[in-house]
Amino acid sequence: MKKYTQEEFDAFETDEYGYKICPTGDYTEIKSFGERCSCEFGEFSKMLTFGGFGSEARTTYFFLLTSKALYVRCGCFQGTYDEWINKVQETHHNSKFARAYLAAGEAVKIMCEEG
């Protein structure tokens, strides 16, 4: 899998809404996802992705921070895992999109378990 640098990420093409078009790859070297994503990542120990989810079929990024907190970037959303769960439920209720997102989240939590 291609590992992208910050320089490569910064040069990605954007869509008509100003969102970066991110190909599948390893984004562990990216510390800032730009002004639309106001987060600055510190050290994270693991990154997992799910692609093709939701009504826009975008990629969802899960970052296990060295503090063991789980951070999520999903479309316009960025925040903690619990905030993401609440947003999924608020936005998608019990639709197939909600069920798929929640299942993906559970899989990520399993993969982030110690041991």
PDB file of N, CA and C in Angstrom:
ATOM      1  N   MET A   1       0.844  -1.171   0.000  1.00  0.00           N
ATOM      2  CA  MET A   1       0.000   0.000   0.000  1.00  0.00           C
ATOM      3  C   MET A   1       0.894   1.241   0.000  1.00  0.00           C
ATOM      4  N   LYS A   2       0.554   2.202  -0.827  1.00  0.00           N
ATOM      5  CA  LYS A   2       1.331   3.439  -0.934  1.00  0.00           C
ATOM      6  C   LYS A   2       1.235   4.225   0.367  1.00  0.00           C
ATOM      7  N   LYS A   3       2.383   4.682   0.865  1.00  0.00           N
ATOM      8  CA  LYS A   3       2.432   5.522   2.056  1.00  0.00           C
ATOM      9  C   LYS A   3       2.632   6.960   1.595  1.00  0.00           C
ATOM     10  N   TYR A   4       1.656   7.812   1.876  1.00  0.00           N
ATOM     11  CA  TYR A   4       1.691   9.199   1.412  1.00  0.00           C
ATOM     12  C   TYR A   4       2.421  10.097   2.396  1.00  0.00           C
ATOM     13  N   THR A   5       3.156  11.057   1.845  1.00  0.00           N
ATOM     14  CA  THR A   5       3.819  12.068   2.659  1.00  0.00           C
ATOM     15  C   THR A   5       2.893  13.269   2.803  1.00  0.00           C
ATOM     16  N   GLN A   6       3.218  14.161   3.728  1.00  0.00           N
ATOM     17  CA  GLN A   6       2.429  15.380   3.889  1.00  0.00           C
ATOM     18  C   GLN A   6       2.442  16.186   2.590  1.00  0.00           C
ATOM     19  N   GLU A   7       3.588  16.251   1.935  1.00  0.00           N
ATOM     20  CA  GLU A   7       3.712  17.006   0.678  1.00  0.00           C
ATOM     21  C   GLU A   7       2.798  16.424  -0.406  1.00  0.00           C
ATOM     22  N   GLU A   8       2.772  15.103  -0.525  1.00  0.00           N
ATOM     23  CA  GLU A   8       1.893  14.468  -1.507  1.00  0.00           C
ATOM     24  C   GLU A   8       0.421  14.732  -1.173  1.00  0.00           C
ATOM     25  N   PHE A   9       0.078  14.606   0.103  1.00  0.00           N
ATOM     26  CA  PHE A   9      -1.295  14.847   0.516  1.00  0.00           C
ATOM     27  C   PHE A   9      -1.721  16.279   0.205  1.00  0.00           C
ATOM     28  N   ASP A  10      -0.854  17.224   0.523  1.00  0.00           N
ATOM     29  CA  ASP A  10      -1.164  18.638   0.274  1.00  0.00           C
ATOM     30  C   ASP A  10      -1.420  18.918  -1.200  1.00  0.00           C
ATOM     31  N   ALA A  11      -0.830  18.120  -2.079  1.00  0.00           N
ATOM     32  CA  ALA A  11      -0.965  18.336  -3.527  1.00  0.00           C
ATOM     33  C   ALA A  11      -2.156  17.589  -4.150  1.00  0.00           C
ATOM     34  N   PHE A  12      -2.897  16.807  -3.363  1.00  0.00           N
ATOM     35  CA  PHE A  12      -4.049  16.080  -3.912  1.00  0.00           C
ATOM     36  C   PHE A  12      -5.060  17.041  -4.526  1.00  0.00           C
ATOM     37  N   GLU A  13      -5.697  16.575  -5.581  1.00  0.00           N
ATOM     38  CA  GLU A  13      -6.771  17.309  -6.251  1.00  0.00           C
ATOM     39  C   GLU A  13      -7.977  17.409  -5.317  1.00  0.00           C
ATOM     40  N   THR A  14      -8.761  18.475  -5.489  1.00  0.00           N
ATOM     41  CA  THR A  14      -9.985  18.622  -4.705  1.00  0.00           C
ATOM     42  C   THR A  14     -11.203  18.534  -5.610  1.00  0.00           C
ATOM     43  N   ASP A  15     -12.346  18.185  -5.014  1.00  0.00           N
ATOM     44  CA  ASP A  15     -13.589  18.112  -5.784  1.00  0.00           C
ATOM     45  C   ASP A  15     -14.253  19.491  -5.843  1.00  0.00           C
ATOM     46  N   GLU A  16     -15.449  19.546  -6.406  1.00  0.00           N
ATOM     47  CA  GLU A  16     -16.137  20.827  -6.579  1.00  0.00           C
ATOM     48  C   GLU A  16     -16.527  21.477  -5.257  1.00  0.00           C
ATOM     49  N   TYR A  17     -16.491  20.733  -4.149  1.00  0.00           N
ATOM     50  CA  TYR A  17     -16.827  21.275  -2.832  1.00  0.00           C
ATOM     51  C   TYR A  17     -15.583  21.652  -2.027  1.00  0.00           C
ATOM     52  N   GLY A  18     -14.418  21.429  -2.616  1.00  0.00           N
ATOM     53  CA  GLY A  18     -13.174  21.757  -1.930  1.00  0.00           C
ATOM     54  C   GLY A  18     -12.606  20.639  -1.084  1.00  0.00           C
ATOM     55  N   TYR A  19     -13.203  19.432  -1.163  1.00  0.00           N
ATOM     56  CA  TYR A  19     -12.691  18.296  -0.408  1.00  0.00           C
ATOM     57  C   TYR A  19     -11.618  17.585  -1.208  1.00  0.00           C
ATOM     58  N   LYS A  20     -10.571  17.169  -0.517  1.00  0.00           N
ATOM     59  CA  LYS A  20      -9.498  16.438  -1.185  1.00  0.00           C
ATOM     60  C   LYS A  20      -9.989  15.075  -1.644  1.00  0.00           C
ATOM     61  N   ILE A  21      -9.536  14.659  -2.801  1.00  0.00           N
ATOM     62  CA  ILE A  21      -9.837  13.332  -3.326  1.00  0.00           C
ATOM     63  C   ILE A  21      -8.660  12.450  -2.928  1.00  0.00           C
ATOM     64  N   CYS A  22      -8.901  11.570  -1.972  1.00  0.00           N
ATOM     65  CA  CYS A  22      -7.830  10.771  -1.372  1.00  0.00           C
ATOM     66  C   CYS A  22      -7.888   9.333  -1.860  1.00  0.00           C
ATOM     67  N   PRO A  23      -6.880   8.908  -2.584  1.00  0.00           N
ATOM     68  CA  PRO A  23      -6.846   7.502  -3.004  1.00  0.00           C
ATOM     69  C   PRO A  23      -6.564   6.599  -1.806  1.00  0.00           C
ATOM     70  N   THR A  24      -6.829   5.335  -1.974  1.00  0.00           N
ATOM     71  CA  THR A  24      -6.523   4.376  -0.927  1.00  0.00           C
ATOM     72  C   THR A  24      -5.035   4.404  -0.652  1.00  0.00           C
ATOM     73  N   GLY A  25      -4.674   4.333   0.595  1.00  0.00           N
ATOM     74  CA  GLY A  25      -3.263   4.339   0.938  1.00  0.00           C
ATOM     75  C   GLY A  25      -3.053   4.453   2.427  1.00  0.00           C
ATOM     76  N   ASP A  26      -1.804   4.584   2.795  1.00  0.00           N
ATOM     77  CA  ASP A  26      -1.382   4.706   4.184  1.00  0.00           C
ATOM     78  C   ASP A  26      -1.145   6.190   4.465  1.00  0.00           C
ATOM     79  N   TYR A  27      -1.916   6.757   5.384  1.00  0.00           N
ATOM     80  CA  TYR A  27      -1.842   8.179   5.716  1.00  0.00           C
ATOM     81  C   TYR A  27      -1.205   8.417   7.084  1.00  0.00           C
ATOM     82  N   THR A  28      -0.443   7.468   7.582  1.00  0.00           N
ATOM     83  CA  THR A  28       0.129   7.592   8.918  1.00  0.00           C
ATOM     84  C   THR A  28       1.157   8.704   9.026  1.00  0.00           C
ATOM     85  N   GLU A  29       1.721   9.164   7.929  1.00  0.00           N
ATOM     86  CA  GLU A  29       2.695  10.260   7.969  1.00  0.00           C
ATOM     87  C   GLU A  29       2.035  11.636   7.958  1.00  0.00           C
ATOM     88  N   ILE A  30       0.720  11.685   7.748  1.00  0.00           N
ATOM     89  CA  ILE A  30       0.015  12.960   7.633  1.00  0.00           C
ATOM     90  C   ILE A  30      -0.287  13.480   9.034  1.00  0.00           C
ATOM     91  N   LYS A  31       0.190  14.678   9.328  1.00  0.00           N
ATOM     92  CA  LYS A  31      -0.041  15.277  10.637  1.00  0.00           C
ATOM     93  C   LYS A  31      -1.142  16.328  10.586  1.00  0.00           C
ATOM     94  N   SER A  32      -1.436  16.874   9.412  1.00  0.00           N
ATOM     95  CA  SER A  32      -2.498  17.864   9.274  1.00  0.00           C
ATOM     96  C   SER A  32      -3.263  17.581   7.988  1.00  0.00           C
ATOM     97  N   PHE A  33      -4.577  17.522   8.100  1.00  0.00           N
ATOM     98  CA  PHE A  33      -5.413  17.282   6.935  1.00  0.00           C
ATOM     99  C   PHE A  33      -5.928  18.584   6.319  1.00  0.00           C
ATOM    100  N   GLY A  34      -5.405  19.717   6.742  1.00  0.00           N
ATOM    101  CA  GLY A  34      -5.727  20.990   6.106  1.00  0.00           C
ATOM    102  C   GLY A  34      -6.775  21.800   6.828  1.00  0.00           C
ATOM    103  N   GLU A  35      -7.092  22.968   6.244  1.00  0.00           N
ATOM    104  CA  GLU A  35      -7.976  23.921   6.910  1.00  0.00           C
ATOM    105  C   GLU A  35      -9.406  23.414   7.058  1.00  0.00           C
ATOM    106  N   ARG A  36      -9.890  22.594   6.144  1.00  0.00           N
ATOM    107  CA  ARG A  36     -11.245  22.058   6.287  1.00  0.00           C
ATOM    108  C   ARG A  36     -11.293  21.009   7.377  1.00  0.00           C
ATOM    109  N   CYS A  37     -10.165  20.523   7.743  1.00  0.00           N
ATOM    110  CA  CYS A  37     -10.036  19.553   8.820  1.00  0.00           C
ATOM    111  C   CYS A  37      -9.080  20.186   9.814  1.00  0.00           C
ATOM    112  N   SER A  38      -9.609  20.882  10.778  1.00  0.00           N
ATOM    113  CA  SER A  38      -8.787  21.735  11.629  1.00  0.00           C
ATOM    114  C   SER A  38      -7.960  20.977  12.661  1.00  0.00           C
ATOM    115  N   CYS A  39      -7.948  19.674  12.584  1.00  0.00           N
ATOM    116  CA  CYS A  39      -7.196  18.893  13.547  1.00  0.00           C
ATOM    117  C   CYS A  39      -5.715  18.870  13.186  1.00  0.00           C
ATOM    118  N   GLU A  40      -4.919  18.787  14.196  1.00  0.00           N
ATOM    119  CA  GLU A  40      -3.498  18.529  14.045  1.00  0.00           C
ATOM    120  C   GLU A  40      -3.244  17.252  14.832  1.00  0.00           C
ATOM    121  N   PHE A  41      -2.753  16.244  14.164  1.00  0.00           N
ATOM    122  CA  PHE A  41      -2.539  14.978  14.843  1.00  0.00           C
ATOM    123  C   PHE A  41      -1.191  14.972  15.529  1.00  0.00           C
ATOM    124  N   GLY A  42      -1.187  14.456  16.730  1.00  0.00           N
ATOM    125  CA  GLY A  42       0.063  14.165  17.394  1.00  0.00           C
ATOM    126  C   GLY A  42       0.486  12.788  16.928  1.00  0.00           C
ATOM    127  N   GLU A  43       1.113  12.090  17.804  1.00  0.00           N
ATOM    128  CA  GLU A  43       1.543  10.748  17.444  1.00  0.00           C
ATOM    129  C   GLU A  43       0.343   9.808  17.476  1.00  0.00           C
ATOM    130  N   PHE A  44       0.238   8.994  16.450  1.00  0.00           N
ATOM    131  CA  PHE A  44      -0.770   7.932  16.538  1.00  0.00           C
ATOM    132  C   PHE A  44      -0.107   6.628  16.199  1.00  0.00           C
ATOM    133  N   SER A  45      -0.624   5.580  16.840  1.00  0.00           N
ATOM    134  CA  SER A  45       0.031   4.287  16.750  1.00  0.00           C
ATOM    135  C   SER A  45      -0.561   3.390  15.678  1.00  0.00           C
ATOM    136  N   LYS A  46      -1.771   3.733  15.216  1.00  0.00           N
ATOM    137  CA  LYS A  46      -2.412   2.879  14.219  1.00  0.00           C
ATOM    138  C   LYS A  46      -3.429   3.708  13.457  1.00  0.00           C
ATOM    139  N   MET A  47      -3.572   3.409  12.171  1.00  0.00           N
ATOM    140  CA  MET A  47      -4.616   4.027  11.375  1.00  0.00           C
ATOM    141  C   MET A  47      -5.316   2.922  10.609  1.00  0.00           C
ATOM    142  N   LEU A  48      -6.656   2.939  10.654  1.00  0.00           N
ATOM    143  CA  LEU A  48      -7.451   1.982   9.898  1.00  0.00           C
ATOM    144  C   LEU A  48      -8.427   2.769   9.039  1.00  0.00           C
ATOM    145  N   THR A  49      -8.787   2.202   7.897  1.00  0.00           N
ATOM    146  CA  THR A  49      -9.719   2.888   7.006  1.00  0.00           C
ATOM    147  C   THR A  49     -10.801   1.934   6.531  1.00  0.00           C
ATOM    148  N   PHE A  50     -11.963   2.520   6.220  1.00  0.00           N
ATOM    149  CA  PHE A  50     -13.043   1.817   5.548  1.00  0.00           C
ATOM    150  C   PHE A  50     -13.445   2.689   4.376  1.00  0.00           C
ATOM    151  N   GLY A  51     -13.498   2.133   3.197  1.00  0.00           N
ATOM    152  CA  GLY A  51     -13.865   2.906   2.015  1.00  0.00           C
ATOM    153  C   GLY A  51     -15.195   2.461   1.440  1.00  0.00           C
ATOM    154  N   GLY A  52     -15.844   3.399   0.750  1.00  0.00           N
ATOM    155  CA  GLY A  52     -17.084   3.092   0.061  1.00  0.00           C
ATOM    156  C   GLY A  52     -18.324   3.148   0.933  1.00  0.00           C
ATOM    157  N   PHE A  53     -18.220   3.688   2.137  1.00  0.00           N
ATOM    158  CA  PHE A  53     -19.351   3.742   3.056  1.00  0.00           C
ATOM    159  C   PHE A  53     -20.123   5.040   2.891  1.00  0.00           C
ATOM    160  N   GLY A  54     -21.377   5.018   3.310  1.00  0.00           N
ATOM    161  CA  GLY A  54     -22.199   6.221   3.331  1.00  0.00           C
ATOM    162  C   GLY A  54     -22.758   6.573   1.971  1.00  0.00           C
ATOM    163  N   SER A  55     -23.541   7.624   1.946  1.00  0.00           N
ATOM    164  CA  SER A  55     -24.221   8.029   0.714  1.00  0.00           C
ATOM    165  C   SER A  55     -23.256   8.572  -0.329  1.00  0.00           C
ATOM    166  N   GLU A  56     -22.058   8.998   0.091  1.00  0.00           N
ATOM    167  CA  GLU A  56     -21.069   9.535  -0.846  1.00  0.00           C
ATOM    168  C   GLU A  56     -19.947   8.539  -1.146  1.00  0.00           C
ATOM    169  N   ALA A  57     -19.978   7.378  -0.544  1.00  0.00           N
ATOM    170  CA  ALA A  57     -18.982   6.320  -0.757  1.00  0.00           C
ATOM    171  C   ALA A  57     -17.554   6.798  -0.517  1.00  0.00           C
ATOM    172  N   ARG A  58     -17.380   7.605   0.504  1.00  0.00           N
ATOM    173  CA  ARG A  58     -16.043   8.114   0.851  1.00  0.00           C
ATOM    174  C   ARG A  58     -15.316   7.139   1.772  1.00  0.00           C
ATOM    175  N   THR A  59     -14.075   7.473   2.082  1.00  0.00           N
ATOM    176  CA  THR A  59     -13.276   6.682   3.003  1.00  0.00           C
ATOM    177  C   THR A  59     -13.366   7.287   4.393  1.00  0.00           C
ATOM    178  N   THR A  60     -13.529   6.444   5.393  1.00  0.00           N
ATOM    179  CA  THR A  60     -13.532   6.854   6.789  1.00  0.00           C
ATOM    180  C   THR A  60     -12.209   6.435   7.398  1.00  0.00           C
ATOM    181  N   TYR A  61     -11.572   7.367   8.111  1.00  0.00           N
ATOM    182  CA  TYR A  61     -10.264   7.140   8.721  1.00  0.00           C
ATOM    183  C   TYR A  61     -10.411   7.068  10.232  1.00  0.00           C
ATOM    184  N   PHE A  62      -9.821   6.042  10.833  1.00  0.00           N
ATOM    185  CA  PHE A  62      -9.804   5.871  12.283  1.00  0.00           C
ATOM    186  C   PHE A  62      -8.345   5.915  12.724  1.00  0.00           C
ATOM    187  N   PHE A  63      -8.036   6.781  13.674  1.00  0.00           N
ATOM    188  CA  PHE A  63      -6.676   6.938  14.181  1.00  0.00           C
ATOM    189  C   PHE A  63      -6.653   6.558  15.646  1.00  0.00           C
ATOM    190  N   LEU A  64      -5.839   5.564  15.990  1.00  0.00           N
ATOM    191  CA  LEU A  64      -5.626   5.216  17.386  1.00  0.00           C
ATOM    192  C   LEU A  64      -4.446   6.056  17.855  1.00  0.00           C
ATOM    193  N   LEU A  65      -4.731   7.037  18.692  1.00  0.00           N
ATOM    194  CA  LEU A  65      -3.690   7.932  19.184  1.00  0.00           C
ATOM    195  C   LEU A  65      -2.857   7.215  20.237  1.00  0.00           C
ATOM    196  N   THR A  66      -1.660   7.715  20.480  1.00  0.00           N
ATOM    197  CA  THR A  66      -0.800   7.071  21.478  1.00  0.00           C
ATOM    198  C   THR A  66      -1.411   7.134  22.869  1.00  0.00           C
ATOM    199  N   SER A  67      -2.347   8.052  23.083  1.00  0.00           N
ATOM    200  CA  SER A  67      -3.069   8.135  24.366  1.00  0.00           C
ATOM    201  C   SER A  67      -4.130   7.040  24.479  1.00  0.00           C
ATOM    202  N   LYS A  68      -4.293   6.235  23.418  1.00  0.00           N
ATOM    203  CA  LYS A  68      -5.289   5.151  23.300  1.00  0.00           C
ATOM    204  C   LYS A  68      -6.680   5.674  22.946  1.00  0.00           C
ATOM    205  N   ALA A  69      -6.825   6.983  22.749  1.00  0.00           N
ATOM    206  CA  ALA A  69      -8.096   7.537  22.281  1.00  0.00           C
ATOM    207  C   ALA A  69      -8.236   7.221  20.795  1.00  0.00           C
ATOM    208  N   LEU A  70      -9.470   7.066  20.344  1.00  0.00           N
ATOM    209  CA  LEU A  70      -9.747   6.782  18.937  1.00  0.00           C
ATOM    210  C   LEU A  70     -10.364   8.025  18.311  1.00  0.00           C
ATOM    211  N   TYR A  71      -9.745   8.496  17.245  1.00  0.00           N
ATOM    212  CA  TYR A  71     -10.157   9.710  16.550  1.00  0.00           C
ATOM    213  C   TYR A  71     -10.655   9.313  15.164  1.00  0.00           C
ATOM    214  N   VAL A  72     -11.713   9.982  14.669  1.00  0.00           N
ATOM    215  CA  VAL A  72     -12.331   9.603  13.402  1.00  0.00           C
ATOM    216  C   VAL A  72     -12.407  10.808  12.471  1.00  0.00           C
ATOM    217  N   ARG A  73     -12.103  10.569  11.207  1.00  0.00           N
ATOM    218  CA  ARG A  73     -12.319  11.551  10.143  1.00  0.00           C
ATOM    219  C   ARG A  73     -13.206  10.868   9.111  1.00  0.00           C
ATOM    220  N   CYS A  74     -14.392  11.453   8.879  1.00  0.00           N
ATOM    221  CA  CYS A  74     -15.391  10.828   8.011  1.00  0.00           C
ATOM    222  C   CYS A  74     -16.124  11.933   7.262  1.00  0.00           C
ATOM    223  N   GLY A  75     -15.823  12.107   5.977  1.00  0.00           N
ATOM    224  CA  GLY A  75     -16.431  13.199   5.219  1.00  0.00           C
ATOM    225  C   GLY A  75     -16.102  14.520   5.873  1.00  0.00           C
ATOM    226  N   CYS A  76     -17.115  15.311   6.192  1.00  0.00           N
ATOM    227  CA  CYS A  76     -16.921  16.610   6.854  1.00  0.00           C
ATOM    228  C   CYS A  76     -16.682  16.461   8.346  1.00  0.00           C
ATOM    229  N   PHE A  77     -16.964  15.286   8.893  1.00  0.00           N
ATOM    230  CA  PHE A  77     -16.848  15.081  10.337  1.00  0.00           C
ATOM    231  C   PHE A  77     -15.419  14.793  10.746  1.00  0.00           C
ATOM    232  N   GLN A  78     -15.055  15.312  11.913  1.00  0.00           N
ATOM    233  CA  GLN A  78     -13.810  14.939  12.584  1.00  0.00           C
ATOM    234  C   GLN A  78     -14.051  15.039  14.076  1.00  0.00           C
ATOM    235  N   GLY A  79     -13.613  14.048  14.808  1.00  0.00           N
ATOM    236  CA  GLY A  79     -13.808  14.073  16.255  1.00  0.00           C
ATOM    237  C   GLY A  79     -13.526  12.723  16.867  1.00  0.00           C
ATOM    238  N   THR A  80     -13.918  12.581  18.119  1.00  0.00           N
ATOM    239  CA  THR A  80     -13.670  11.334  18.839  1.00  0.00           C
ATOM    240  C   THR A  80     -14.588  10.240  18.316  1.00  0.00           C
ATOM    241  N   TYR A  81     -14.281   9.034  18.681  1.00  0.00           N
ATOM    242  CA  TYR A  81     -15.104   7.889  18.277  1.00  0.00           C
ATOM    243  C   TYR A  81     -16.540   8.049  18.787  1.00  0.00           C
ATOM    244  N   ASP A  82     -16.693   8.423  20.051  1.00  0.00           N
ATOM    245  CA  ASP A  82     -18.041   8.577  20.616  1.00  0.00           C
ATOM    246  C   ASP A  82     -18.816   9.694  19.917  1.00  0.00           C
ATOM    247  N   GLU A  83     -18.143  10.793  19.597  1.00  0.00           N
ATOM    248  CA  GLU A  83     -18.805  11.875  18.855  1.00  0.00           C
ATOM    249  C   GLU A  83     -19.238  11.388  17.480  1.00  0.00           C
ATOM    250  N   TRP A  84     -18.412  10.580  16.862  1.00  0.00           N
ATOM    251  CA  TRP A  84     -18.730  10.035  15.540  1.00  0.00           C
ATOM    252  C   TRP A  84     -19.960   9.126  15.604  1.00  0.00           C
ATOM    253  N   ILE A  85     -19.997   8.253  16.618  1.00  0.00           N
ATOM    254  CA  ILE A  85     -21.155   7.367  16.795  1.00  0.00           C
ATOM    255  C   ILE A  85     -22.432   8.197  16.916  1.00  0.00           C
ATOM    256  N   ASN A  86     -22.394   9.236  17.737  1.00  0.00           N
ATOM    257  CA  ASN A  86     -23.564  10.106  17.908  1.00  0.00           C
ATOM    258  C   ASN A  86     -23.961  10.771  16.593  1.00  0.00           C
ATOM    259  N   LYS A  87     -22.973  11.218  15.820  1.00  0.00           N
ATOM    260  CA  LYS A  87     -23.247  11.879  14.541  1.00  0.00           C
ATOM    261  C   LYS A  87     -23.852  10.894  13.542  1.00  0.00           C
ATOM    262  N   VAL A  88     -23.335   9.676  13.507  1.00  0.00           N
ATOM    263  CA  VAL A  88     -23.885   8.643  12.619  1.00  0.00           C
ATOM    264  C   VAL A  88     -25.345   8.396  12.962  1.00  0.00           C
ATOM    265  N   GLN A  89     -25.643   8.247  14.243  1.00  0.00           N
ATOM    266  CA  GLN A  89     -27.020   7.969  14.660  1.00  0.00           C
ATOM    267  C   GLN A  89     -27.933   9.162  14.377  1.00  0.00           C
ATOM    268  N   GLU A  90     -27.441  10.361  14.601  1.00  0.00           N
ATOM    269  CA  GLU A  90     -28.219  11.574  14.336  1.00  0.00           C
ATOM    270  C   GLU A  90     -28.494  11.748  12.844  1.00  0.00           C
ATOM    271  N   THR A  91     -27.495  11.464  12.028  1.00  0.00           N
ATOM    272  CA  THR A  91     -27.604  11.685  10.589  1.00  0.00           C
ATOM    273  C   THR A  91     -28.347  10.556   9.880  1.00  0.00           C
ATOM    274  N   HIS A  92     -28.027   9.316  10.234  1.00  0.00           N
ATOM    275  CA  HIS A  92     -28.509   8.175   9.456  1.00  0.00           C
ATOM    276  C   HIS A  92     -29.548   7.305  10.171  1.00  0.00           C
ATOM    277  N   HIS A  93     -29.835   7.600  11.441  1.00  0.00           N
ATOM    278  CA  HIS A  93     -30.834   6.867  12.231  1.00  0.00           C
ATOM    279  C   HIS A  93     -30.552   5.367  12.167  1.00  0.00           C
ATOM    280  N   ASN A  94     -31.445   4.573  11.622  1.00  0.00           N
ATOM    281  CA  ASN A  94     -31.233   3.122  11.548  1.00  0.00           C
ATOM    282  C   ASN A  94     -31.174   2.652  10.091  1.00  0.00           C
ATOM    283  N   SER A  95     -30.707   3.524   9.218  1.00  0.00           N
ATOM    284  CA  SER A  95     -30.614   3.165   7.798  1.00  0.00           C
ATOM    285  C   SER A  95     -29.475   2.167   7.576  1.00  0.00           C
ATOM    286  N   LYS A  96     -29.385   1.673   6.362  1.00  0.00           N
ATOM    287  CA  LYS A  96     -28.271   0.761   6.036  1.00  0.00           C
ATOM    288  C   LYS A  96     -26.936   1.466   6.201  1.00  0.00           C
ATOM    289  N   PHE A  97     -26.874   2.793   5.964  1.00  0.00           N
ATOM    290  CA  PHE A  97     -25.625   3.531   6.144  1.00  0.00           C
ATOM    291  C   PHE A  97     -25.215   3.526   7.618  1.00  0.00           C
ATOM    292  N   ALA A  98     -26.178   3.766   8.501  1.00  0.00           N
ATOM    293  CA  ALA A  98     -25.883   3.751   9.942  1.00  0.00           C
ATOM    294  C   ALA A  98     -25.400   2.375  10.366  1.00  0.00           C
ATOM    295  N   ARG A  99     -26.098   1.347   9.946  1.00  0.00           N
ATOM    296  CA  ARG A  99     -25.724  -0.017  10.348  1.00  0.00           C
ATOM    297  C   ARG A  99     -24.328  -0.371   9.835  1.00  0.00           C
ATOM    298  N   ALA A 100     -24.005   0.030   8.614  1.00  0.00           N
ATOM    299  CA  ALA A 100     -22.676  -0.260   8.062  1.00  0.00           C
ATOM    300  C   ALA A 100     -21.591   0.508   8.806  1.00  0.00           C
ATOM    301  N   TYR A 101     -21.822   1.805   9.045  1.00  0.00           N
ATOM    302  CA  TYR A 101     -20.846   2.604   9.792  1.00  0.00           C
ATOM    303  C   TYR A 101     -20.608   2.019  11.187  1.00  0.00           C
ATOM    304  N   LEU A 102     -21.690   1.679  11.889  1.00  0.00           N
ATOM    305  CA  LEU A 102     -21.555   1.158  13.245  1.00  0.00           C
ATOM    306  C   LEU A 102     -20.830  -0.183  13.259  1.00  0.00           C
ATOM    307  N   ALA A 103     -21.095  -1.028  12.271  1.00  0.00           N
ATOM    308  CA  ALA A 103     -20.382  -2.305  12.172  1.00  0.00           C
ATOM    309  C   ALA A 103     -18.901  -2.072  11.901  1.00  0.00           C
ATOM    310  N   ALA A 104     -18.594  -1.127  11.024  1.00  0.00           N
ATOM    311  CA  ALA A 104     -17.191  -0.798  10.743  1.00  0.00           C
ATOM    312  C   ALA A 104     -16.506  -0.292  12.006  1.00  0.00           C
ATOM    313  N   GLY A 105     -17.205   0.552  12.745  1.00  0.00           N
ATOM    314  CA  GLY A 105     -16.641   1.073  13.997  1.00  0.00           C
ATOM    315  C   GLY A 105     -16.340  -0.020  14.996  1.00  0.00           C
ATOM    316  N   GLU A 106     -17.231  -0.987  15.102  1.00  0.00           N
ATOM    317  CA  GLU A 106     -16.992  -2.115  16.010  1.00  0.00           C
ATOM    318  C   GLU A 106     -15.775  -2.922  15.571  1.00  0.00           C
ATOM    319  N   ALA A 107     -15.628  -3.119  14.264  1.00  0.00           N
ATOM    320  CA  ALA A 107     -14.458  -3.850  13.751  1.00  0.00           C
ATOM    321  C   ALA A 107     -13.174  -3.101  14.085  1.00  0.00           C
ATOM    322  N   VAL A 108     -13.193  -1.788  13.955  1.00  0.00           N
ATOM    323  CA  VAL A 108     -12.016  -0.965  14.273  1.00  0.00           C
ATOM    324  C   VAL A 108     -11.675  -1.108  15.756  1.00  0.00           C
ATOM    325  N   LYS A 109     -12.677  -1.043  16.623  1.00  0.00           N
ATOM    326  CA  LYS A 109     -12.419  -1.188  18.052  1.00  0.00           C
ATOM    327  C   LYS A 109     -11.760  -2.528  18.358  1.00  0.00           C
ATOM    328  N   ILE A 110     -12.207  -3.578  17.706  1.00  0.00           N
ATOM    329  CA  ILE A 110     -11.612  -4.900  17.905  1.00  0.00           C
ATOM    330  C   ILE A 110     -10.143  -4.887  17.470  1.00  0.00           C
ATOM    331  N   MET A 111      -9.871  -4.275  16.329  1.00  0.00           N
ATOM    332  CA  MET A 111      -8.499  -4.235  15.799  1.00  0.00           C
ATOM    333  C   MET A 111      -7.577  -3.372  16.670  1.00  0.00           C
ATOM    334  N   CYS A 112      -8.149  -2.483  17.456  1.00  0.00           N
ATOM    335  CA  CYS A 112      -7.347  -1.605  18.306  1.00  0.00           C
ATOM    336  C   CYS A 112      -7.151  -2.158  19.718  1.00  0.00           C
ATOM    337  N   GLU A 113      -7.744  -3.333  19.989  1.00  0.00           N
ATOM    338  CA  GLU A 113      -7.565  -3.947  21.300  1.00  0.00           C
ATOM    339  C   GLU A 113      -6.114  -4.325  21.512  1.00  0.00           C
ATOM    340  N   GLU A 114      -5.682  -4.248  22.733  1.00  0.00           N
ATOM    341  CA  GLU A 114      -4.306  -4.652  23.080  1.00  0.00           C
ATOM    342  C   GLU A 114      -4.174  -6.161  22.967  1.00  0.00           C
ATOM    343  N   GLY A 115      -2.971  -6.616  22.626  1.00  0.00           N
ATOM    344  CA  GLY A 115      -2.690  -8.040  22.644  1.00  0.00           C
ATOM    345  C   GLY A 115      -2.942  -8.787  21.411  1.00  0.00           C
TER     346      GLY A 115
END
